[in-house]
Amino acid sequence: MVSKYKEISDDIQRQIKEGKLKKGDRIPSIRQLSSSYACSKDTVQRALLDLKYKQKLYAVPQSGYYVLDNYQLTELAPYFSLKEYNNLAYNDFRLCLNEALTGKETYLFNYYHQEEGLKELLFSLKNYLSGSAIYTNLNHIVVTSGSQQALYILCQMPFLSNKEVILLERPTYQRMESLVRALNLPLQFIERTSDSIDLKALEDLFKTGNIKYFYTISRYSNPLGLSYSRKEKEAIVELAHRYQVYIIEDDYLGDFAKTSEPALHYYDTNERVIYLKSFSMSIFPALRLASLVLPTSLLKTFLAYKSLIDLDTNLLMQKALSLYLDNGMFDKNLKYIKTFLQKKTKSLLSYLDKYYPELDYHVTAQHIIISCFPSIQQLKLAKEKSLDIIKTKEAYYIRFLINDATASQIDNIFKE
């Protein structure tokens, strides 16, 4: 079934194509369209934003929307820099934010509190998540002010099992470890190496009966960029069910994973996985919004603890993100950034094979991570360049962000 806003958008495009609406013609007002299509003003605004994004219409302040032309979007030039791609995403999101400021009487002044999130965004997130094989009911989705707020609440709130120990993979996301230590919570680690995770050791830890939850990044772990195999994912979920342990799956780079490699949540049929997804990597870091898919048994308690911190996550940003997801801007810009990274990665791999065939490295969605035993001078240079240096029992790892400067950074560290 076609959504109402899509119906309006398609109808106006048809009128433009048939010549009923010509370049420069003024589109009926939002109020008139709302009455004609028997829908809310917000729905009309979403349709007009869709047409504005497609460059069919343009807006004149205090006047309305006008037909621009029968212009079709063209693909970005392949030589665009990462900065230019980022600027494109920023400008698109700013357009959505501006649109979010319209129709304020419907959701800013006459709004009732929804700790779980703005209803429009919850619908948008459900569609977005299903596109990544994260299937859930609408009432299981919660919006938070970034992943850090979600993790803080999950650290503080009691679970029905009354278990206390938090299990982290090592190495792990540094802010998560810092959070657990700052709250002085019981903490244990399990090693995650470039080979795999020791499933027998994981089972032994689960068997103790004290593990509240296991925090893991199943796809492109932070900082080493490791991903579980399908068999490992199935085994971890099965162990969580057998020993009644929850798993927090932080999927911060899930947008860059292959569709053939679904998240842990995909394999969970017993509501043991708490799925966490932020947008800081796929849109921009300053967007402090995250989505959380919670098991039924944890929803009520989570929302109660969230209400102690804030009644509502930033409404304007929620509204803007909903528009950004629904009108195709997110998919378009994600496609562009993935294409850029793939092309840049291919070029870097050729460069490494030619000039540094002896280096041991692996590639993640956004990084090249080199395993090495660096000299004191190399460590010093890496620190001066503010590169991430990870020390494990196996080796040192130096992590390079894939961008226009990566090759020169590698030269600075490894060129003899």
Protein backbone atom coordinates (compact mmCIF):
# COMPACT_ATOMS: atom_id res chain seq x y z
CA MET A 1 0.00 0.00 0.00
CA VAL A 2 1.38 3.41 -1.02
CA SER A 3 1.80 5.85 1.87
CA LYS A 4 -0.17 9.10 1.76
CA TYR A 5 2.89 11.33 1.43
CA LYS A 6 4.15 9.18 -1.48
CA GLU A 7 0.73 9.44 -3.11
CA ILE A 8 0.88 13.25 -2.93
CA SER A 9 4.46 13.32 -4.22
CA ASP A 10 3.68 11.01 -7.14
CA ASP A 11 0.54 12.98 -8.02
CA ILE A 12 2.39 16.31 -8.19
CA GLN A 13 5.19 14.74 -10.25
CA ARG A 14 2.59 13.36 -12.66
CA GLN A 15 1.03 16.82 -13.05
CA ILE A 16 4.47 18.27 -13.81
CA LYS A 17 5.19 15.54 -16.38
CA GLU A 18 1.80 16.04 -18.08
CA GLY A 19 2.30 19.81 -18.22
CA LYS A 20 -0.56 20.65 -15.87
CA LEU A 21 2.05 22.24 -13.61
CA LYS A 22 4.73 24.21 -15.44
CA LYS A 23 8.06 25.69 -14.41
CA GLY A 24 7.44 28.61 -12.06
CA ASP A 25 3.89 27.58 -11.15
CA ARG A 26 3.03 27.90 -7.49
CA ILE A 27 1.96 24.70 -5.74
CA PRO A 28 -1.24 24.93 -3.65
CA SER A 29 -0.60 25.81 -0.01
CA ILE A 30 0.06 23.18 2.63
CA ARG A 31 -3.35 23.89 4.11
CA GLN A 32 -5.07 23.41 0.73
CA LEU A 33 -3.18 20.17 -0.01
CA SER A 34 -3.94 18.89 3.48
CA SER A 35 -7.64 19.45 2.84
CA SER A 36 -7.57 18.04 -0.71
CA TYR A 37 -5.83 14.82 0.30
CA ALA A 38 -7.55 14.51 3.69
CA CYS A 39 -4.28 14.22 5.60
CA SER A 40 -2.21 16.11 8.16
CA LYS A 41 -0.01 19.10 7.34
CA ASP A 42 3.02 17.07 8.40
CA THR A 43 2.23 14.49 5.70
CA VAL A 44 2.01 17.24 3.06
CA GLN A 45 5.28 18.75 4.29
CA ARG A 46 6.97 15.38 3.95
CA ALA A 47 5.71 15.06 0.36
CA LEU A 48 6.93 18.56 -0.51
CA LEU A 49 10.30 17.83 1.05
CA ASP A 50 10.52 14.68 -1.07
CA LEU A 51 9.87 16.77 -4.19
CA LYS A 52 12.33 19.43 -3.04
CA TYR A 53 14.99 16.75 -2.58
CA LYS A 54 14.27 15.46 -6.11
CA GLN A 55 14.67 19.05 -7.29
CA LYS A 56 11.15 19.19 -8.69
CA LEU A 57 10.19 22.11 -6.41
CA TYR A 58 11.88 24.99 -4.68
CA ALA A 59 10.69 26.96 -1.66
CA VAL A 60 10.28 30.74 -1.38
CA PRO A 61 10.13 31.98 2.25
CA GLN A 62 6.74 33.42 3.20
CA SER A 63 5.38 32.48 -0.21
CA GLY A 64 5.29 28.73 -0.83
CA TYR A 65 6.58 26.04 -3.15
CA TYR A 66 7.13 26.47 -6.89
CA VAL A 67 7.85 24.10 -9.77
CA LEU A 68 11.57 24.11 -10.52
CA ASP A 69 11.94 22.06 -13.68
CA ASN A 70 11.84 18.52 -14.94
CA TYR A 71 15.42 18.20 -13.69
CA GLN A 72 16.83 14.80 -12.85
CA LEU A 73 19.53 14.25 -10.24
CA THR A 74 22.89 13.17 -11.63
CA GLU A 75 25.43 10.95 -9.97
CA LEU A 76 28.21 12.65 -8.07
CA ALA A 77 31.52 12.87 -9.82
CA PRO A 78 33.79 9.98 -8.82
CA TYR A 79 36.63 12.37 -7.93
CA PHE A 80 34.72 14.08 -5.11
CA SER A 81 36.67 14.24 -1.87
CA LEU A 82 35.48 12.84 1.45
CA LYS A 83 34.96 16.40 2.67
CA GLU A 84 32.62 17.10 -0.23
CA TYR A 85 30.60 13.96 0.48
CA ASN A 86 30.34 14.98 4.13
CA ASN A 87 29.21 18.46 3.14
CA LEU A 88 26.51 16.94 0.95
CA ALA A 89 25.15 14.87 3.84
CA TYR A 90 25.29 17.87 6.16
CA ASN A 91 23.43 20.14 3.74
CA ASP A 92 20.75 17.50 3.13
CA PHE A 93 20.22 17.00 6.84
CA ARG A 94 20.09 20.77 7.38
CA LEU A 95 17.28 20.90 4.82
CA CYS A 96 15.40 18.28 6.85
CA LEU A 97 16.05 20.24 10.04
CA ASN A 98 14.64 23.39 8.45
CA GLU A 99 11.56 21.45 7.39
CA ALA A 100 11.24 20.09 10.93
CA LEU A 101 10.75 23.64 12.17
CA THR A 102 7.59 24.00 10.07
CA GLY A 103 4.27 22.73 11.33
CA LYS A 104 5.48 23.36 14.88
CA GLU A 105 1.96 23.57 16.25
CA THR A 106 1.48 19.84 15.75
CA TYR A 107 4.44 18.40 17.61
CA LEU A 108 6.35 21.10 19.49
CA PHE A 109 3.59 22.97 21.31
CA ASN A 110 0.86 20.33 21.38
CA TYR A 111 3.10 17.38 22.10
CA TYR A 112 2.54 14.75 24.75
CA HIS A 113 5.57 13.03 26.22
CA GLN A 114 6.80 9.84 24.58
CA GLU A 115 9.91 8.57 26.32
CA GLU A 116 10.29 5.90 23.64
CA GLY A 117 10.60 8.52 20.88
CA LEU A 118 8.68 10.60 18.35
CA LYS A 119 6.07 8.35 16.77
CA GLU A 120 7.03 9.40 13.23
CA LEU A 121 10.65 8.48 13.83
CA LEU A 122 9.71 5.12 15.33
CA PHE A 123 7.85 4.24 12.11
CA SER A 124 10.82 5.45 10.04
CA LEU A 125 13.23 3.41 12.16
CA LYS A 126 11.14 0.27 11.87
CA ASN A 127 11.32 0.49 8.07
CA TYR A 128 15.01 1.37 8.14
CA LEU A 129 15.88 -1.49 10.50
CA SER A 130 13.91 -4.06 8.52
CA GLY A 131 15.99 -3.08 5.50
CA SER A 132 19.01 -4.30 7.47
CA ALA A 133 17.32 -7.56 8.54
CA ILE A 134 16.56 -6.21 12.04
CA TYR A 135 12.96 -7.32 12.37
CA THR A 136 11.00 -6.04 15.36
CA ASN A 137 7.68 -4.65 16.51
CA LEU A 138 7.23 -0.90 16.64
CA ASN A 139 6.76 -0.88 20.42
CA HIS A 140 10.17 -2.49 20.96
CA ILE A 141 12.06 0.47 19.47
CA VAL A 142 13.36 3.27 21.71
CA VAL A 143 15.20 6.44 20.68
CA THR A 144 17.99 7.75 22.92
CA SER A 145 20.32 10.74 22.92
CA GLY A 146 23.16 8.79 21.39
CA SER A 147 24.49 5.33 22.16
CA GLN A 148 26.24 6.55 25.32
CA GLN A 149 22.92 7.38 27.00
CA ALA A 150 21.56 3.95 26.10
CA LEU A 151 24.65 2.22 27.51
CA TYR A 152 24.53 4.31 30.69
CA ILE A 153 20.91 3.31 31.33
CA LEU A 154 21.64 -0.35 30.61
CA CYS A 155 24.50 -0.21 33.12
CA GLN A 156 22.34 1.37 35.81
CA MET A 157 19.00 -0.42 35.48
CA PRO A 158 18.33 -3.78 37.15
CA PHE A 159 17.50 -6.81 35.03
CA LEU A 160 14.92 -9.37 36.11
CA SER A 161 17.63 -11.98 36.68
CA ASN A 162 19.37 -9.77 39.32
CA LYS A 163 22.73 -10.74 37.82
CA GLU A 164 25.42 -8.10 38.25
CA VAL A 165 28.58 -8.86 36.24
CA ILE A 166 29.09 -7.08 32.91
CA LEU A 167 31.14 -9.05 30.39
CA LEU A 168 33.14 -7.11 27.79
CA GLU A 169 35.16 -8.37 24.87
CA ARG A 170 38.79 -7.23 24.89
CA PRO A 171 39.87 -5.03 23.27
CA THR A 172 36.60 -3.14 23.25
CA TYR A 173 34.99 0.26 22.78
CA GLN A 174 36.98 2.37 25.23
CA ARG A 175 34.05 4.53 26.34
CA MET A 176 32.05 1.46 27.33
CA GLU A 177 34.88 0.14 29.47
CA SER A 178 35.40 3.60 30.99
CA LEU A 179 31.69 3.85 31.77
CA VAL A 180 31.56 0.50 33.55
CA ARG A 181 34.70 1.31 35.56
CA ALA A 182 33.46 4.82 36.47
CA LEU A 183 30.23 3.31 37.83
CA ASN A 184 32.32 0.78 39.78
CA LEU A 185 30.32 -2.15 38.41
CA PRO A 186 31.47 -5.80 38.51
CA LEU A 187 33.40 -6.41 35.30
CA GLN A 188 34.96 -9.35 33.45
CA PHE A 189 36.64 -9.68 30.06
CA ILE A 190 36.90 -12.28 27.32
CA GLU A 191 39.64 -12.03 24.70
CA ARG A 192 38.65 -11.50 21.10
CA THR A 193 41.53 -12.10 18.73
CA SER A 194 42.00 -11.82 15.00
CA ASP A 195 41.28 -15.55 14.78
CA SER A 196 38.02 -15.75 16.73
CA ILE A 197 36.42 -15.65 20.15
CA ASP A 198 36.86 -18.69 22.39
CA LEU A 199 33.31 -20.07 22.53
CA LYS A 200 34.25 -22.59 25.24
CA ALA A 201 35.59 -19.79 27.43
CA LEU A 202 32.43 -17.78 26.72
CA GLU A 203 30.26 -20.71 27.76
CA ASP A 204 32.25 -21.14 30.97
CA LEU A 205 31.65 -17.49 31.83
CA PHE A 206 27.93 -17.75 31.04
CA LYS A 207 27.74 -20.91 33.18
CA THR A 208 28.76 -19.00 36.32
CA GLY A 209 25.25 -17.55 36.45
CA ASN A 210 26.53 -14.07 37.30
CA ILE A 211 26.70 -12.44 33.84
CA LYS A 212 24.12 -9.64 33.51
CA TYR A 213 24.97 -9.12 29.86
CA PHE A 214 27.73 -9.55 27.31
CA TYR A 215 28.59 -6.35 25.42
CA THR A 216 29.93 -7.06 21.93
CA ILE A 217 30.29 -5.45 18.52
CA SER A 218 29.50 -8.27 16.13
CA ARG A 219 30.40 -6.45 12.90
CA TYR A 220 33.59 -4.36 12.62
CA SER A 221 34.47 -4.37 16.32
CA ASN A 222 35.98 -1.29 17.88
CA PRO A 223 38.97 -0.93 17.76
CA LEU A 224 40.21 -3.96 15.78
CA GLY A 225 37.44 -4.15 13.16
CA LEU A 226 36.73 -7.86 13.70
CA SER A 227 33.51 -9.57 12.61
CA TYR A 228 31.97 -12.81 13.78
CA SER A 229 31.30 -15.58 11.30
CA ARG A 230 27.76 -16.85 10.82
CA LYS A 231 28.55 -19.97 12.90
CA GLU A 232 29.96 -17.85 15.72
CA LYS A 233 26.87 -15.65 15.74
CA GLU A 234 24.57 -18.64 15.90
CA ALA A 235 26.63 -20.19 18.68
CA ILE A 236 26.74 -16.99 20.77
CA VAL A 237 22.97 -16.50 20.52
CA GLU A 238 22.36 -20.16 21.41
CA LEU A 239 24.62 -19.88 24.48
CA ALA A 240 22.84 -16.69 25.56
CA HIS A 241 19.50 -18.50 25.39
CA ARG A 242 20.77 -21.64 27.14
CA TYR A 243 22.23 -19.72 30.10
CA GLN A 244 19.72 -16.83 30.11
CA VAL A 245 22.29 -14.13 29.45
CA TYR A 246 21.47 -10.92 27.58
CA ILE A 247 23.68 -9.62 24.79
CA ILE A 248 24.11 -5.94 23.97
CA GLU A 249 24.95 -5.81 20.28
CA ASP A 250 26.48 -2.43 19.41
CA ASP A 251 26.13 -2.20 15.63
CA TYR A 252 27.61 1.25 15.08
CA LEU A 253 29.04 0.31 11.65
CA GLY A 254 26.16 -1.93 10.61
CA ASP A 255 25.27 0.35 7.69
CA PHE A 256 28.58 -0.60 6.06
CA ALA A 257 28.29 -4.36 6.54
CA LYS A 258 27.45 -6.74 3.72
CA THR A 259 23.82 -7.80 3.48
CA SER A 260 25.03 -11.41 3.44
CA GLU A 261 26.45 -10.92 6.96
CA PRO A 262 23.47 -10.05 9.19
CA ALA A 263 23.69 -8.88 12.79
CA LEU A 264 23.47 -11.11 15.86
CA HIS A 265 19.91 -9.88 16.34
CA TYR A 266 18.90 -11.67 13.13
CA TYR A 267 19.62 -15.05 14.73
CA ASP A 268 17.87 -14.28 18.04
CA THR A 269 14.44 -15.90 18.40
CA ASN A 270 14.28 -15.77 22.20
CA GLU A 271 14.67 -12.03 22.92
CA ARG A 272 18.18 -12.26 24.34
CA VAL A 273 19.76 -9.60 22.10
CA ILE A 274 19.53 -5.88 22.87
CA TYR A 275 20.28 -4.21 19.54
CA LEU A 276 21.91 -0.75 19.58
CA LYS A 277 22.40 1.38 16.47
CA SER A 278 23.72 4.94 16.33
CA PHE A 279 23.97 7.22 13.29
CA SER A 280 27.22 8.97 14.15
CA MET A 281 29.23 7.02 11.55
CA SER A 282 26.69 6.91 8.71
CA ILE A 283 25.47 10.53 8.93
CA PHE A 284 27.80 12.64 11.11
CA PRO A 285 29.18 12.38 14.68
CA ALA A 286 27.34 15.43 16.02
CA LEU A 287 23.98 13.70 15.45
CA ARG A 288 23.49 12.34 18.96
CA LEU A 289 20.62 9.98 18.24
CA ALA A 290 20.54 6.21 18.59
CA SER A 291 17.92 3.51 18.20
CA LEU A 292 17.55 0.60 20.56
CA VAL A 293 15.58 -2.61 20.05
CA LEU A 294 14.70 -4.01 23.47
CA PRO A 295 13.30 -7.36 24.63
CA THR A 296 9.80 -7.15 26.13
CA SER A 297 11.07 -7.93 29.64
CA LEU A 298 13.35 -4.85 29.70
CA LEU A 299 11.17 -2.20 28.02
CA LYS A 300 9.28 -0.89 31.03
CA THR A 301 12.33 -0.61 33.27
CA PHE A 302 14.45 1.00 30.55
CA LEU A 303 11.83 3.69 29.87
CA ALA A 304 11.42 4.36 33.58
CA TYR A 305 15.17 4.99 33.93
CA LYS A 306 15.26 7.05 30.74
CA SER A 307 12.49 9.31 32.06
CA LEU A 308 14.75 10.19 35.00
CA ILE A 309 17.33 11.58 32.59
CA ASP A 310 15.08 13.24 30.00
CA LEU A 311 11.42 13.01 29.14
CA ASP A 312 12.03 13.44 25.42
CA THR A 313 15.09 13.07 23.24
CA ASN A 314 15.60 16.22 21.12
CA LEU A 315 12.34 16.53 19.16
CA LEU A 316 13.69 18.64 16.31
CA MET A 317 16.51 16.21 15.64
CA GLN A 318 14.10 13.27 15.81
CA LYS A 319 11.76 14.92 13.32
CA ALA A 320 14.66 15.79 11.00
CA LEU A 321 16.04 12.23 11.14
CA SER A 322 12.60 10.84 10.33
CA LEU A 323 12.42 13.05 7.23
CA TYR A 324 16.00 12.19 6.28
CA LEU A 325 15.31 8.47 6.42
CA ASP A 326 11.93 8.63 4.66
CA ASN A 327 12.75 10.89 1.74
CA GLY A 328 15.70 8.85 0.47
CA MET A 329 18.49 11.22 1.46
CA PHE A 330 19.98 8.74 3.91
CA ASP A 331 20.11 5.91 1.35
CA LYS A 332 21.49 8.22 -1.32
CA ASN A 333 24.28 9.63 0.83
CA LEU A 334 25.13 6.24 2.35
CA LYS A 335 25.50 4.88 -1.17
CA TYR A 336 27.84 7.74 -2.08
CA ILE A 337 30.05 7.38 1.00
CA LYS A 338 30.25 3.59 0.58
CA THR A 339 31.23 4.03 -3.08
CA PHE A 340 33.89 6.55 -2.08
CA LEU A 341 35.32 4.27 0.60
CA GLN A 342 35.32 1.24 -1.71
CA LYS A 343 37.20 3.14 -4.41
CA LYS A 344 39.65 4.60 -1.92
CA THR A 345 40.19 1.19 -0.30
CA LYS A 346 40.88 -0.45 -3.66
CA SER A 347 43.46 2.22 -4.43
CA LEU A 348 45.11 1.84 -1.01
CA LEU A 349 45.30 -1.93 -1.28
CA SER A 350 47.09 -1.62 -4.62
CA TYR A 351 49.43 0.91 -3.04
CA LEU A 352 50.21 -1.37 -0.08
CA ASP A 353 50.75 -4.43 -2.29
CA LYS A 354 53.19 -2.45 -4.42
CA TYR A 355 55.21 -0.60 -1.78
CA TYR A 356 54.64 -2.56 1.45
CA PRO A 357 54.09 -6.23 0.52
CA GLU A 358 55.57 -7.33 3.85
CA LEU A 359 52.91 -5.58 5.98
CA ASP A 360 50.20 -7.62 7.68
CA TYR A 361 46.91 -5.75 7.59
CA HIS A 362 43.15 -6.11 7.33
CA VAL A 363 40.46 -3.76 6.06
CA THR A 364 37.25 -2.71 7.80
CA ALA A 365 34.43 -0.47 6.62
CA GLN A 366 36.34 2.71 7.35
CA HIS A 367 39.85 1.72 8.45
CA ILE A 368 42.99 -0.09 7.42
CA ILE A 369 44.49 -1.78 10.48
CA ILE A 370 48.14 -2.81 10.31
CA SER A 371 49.49 -5.50 12.62
CA CYS A 372 53.13 -4.93 13.50
CA PHE A 373 55.89 -4.84 16.09
CA PRO A 374 56.77 -1.16 15.73
CA SER A 375 60.01 0.50 16.71
CA ILE A 376 60.06 3.20 19.35
CA GLN A 377 60.38 5.76 16.56
CA GLN A 378 57.34 4.36 14.71
CA LEU A 379 55.25 4.48 17.89
CA LYS A 380 56.34 8.06 18.46
CA LEU A 381 55.38 9.06 14.90
CA ALA A 382 52.01 7.33 15.20
CA LYS A 383 51.25 9.19 18.43
CA GLU A 384 52.30 12.49 16.87
CA LYS A 385 49.85 11.85 14.02
CA SER A 386 47.10 11.01 16.58
CA LEU A 387 46.70 7.52 15.12
CA ASP A 388 45.04 4.81 17.17
CA ILE A 389 47.56 2.35 18.62
CA ILE A 390 46.14 -0.88 20.04
CA LYS A 391 48.29 -3.30 22.03
CA THR A 392 47.13 -6.89 22.48
CA LYS A 393 48.78 -10.16 23.53
CA GLU A 394 49.34 -10.86 19.84
CA ALA A 395 50.90 -7.66 18.57
CA TYR A 396 50.53 -3.94 18.15
CA TYR A 397 47.93 -2.59 15.75
CA ILE A 398 47.99 0.85 14.15
CA ARG A 399 44.64 2.00 12.79
CA PHE A 400 44.40 4.36 9.82
CA LEU A 401 41.14 6.04 8.80
CA ILE A 402 40.48 5.62 5.09
CA ASN A 403 40.57 9.07 3.51
CA ASP A 404 42.58 11.17 1.07
CA ALA A 405 45.60 11.29 3.42
CA THR A 406 45.90 7.59 4.34
CA ALA A 407 48.73 6.69 1.94
CA SER A 408 50.93 9.55 3.13
CA GLN A 409 50.24 8.65 6.78
CA ILE A 410 51.35 5.06 6.13
CA ASP A 411 54.49 6.39 4.42
CA ASN A 412 55.28 8.54 7.44
CA ILE A 413 55.22 5.51 9.75
CA PHE A 414 56.61 2.66 7.64
CA LYS A 415 58.76 4.16 4.88
CA GLU A 416 62.41 3.39 5.52
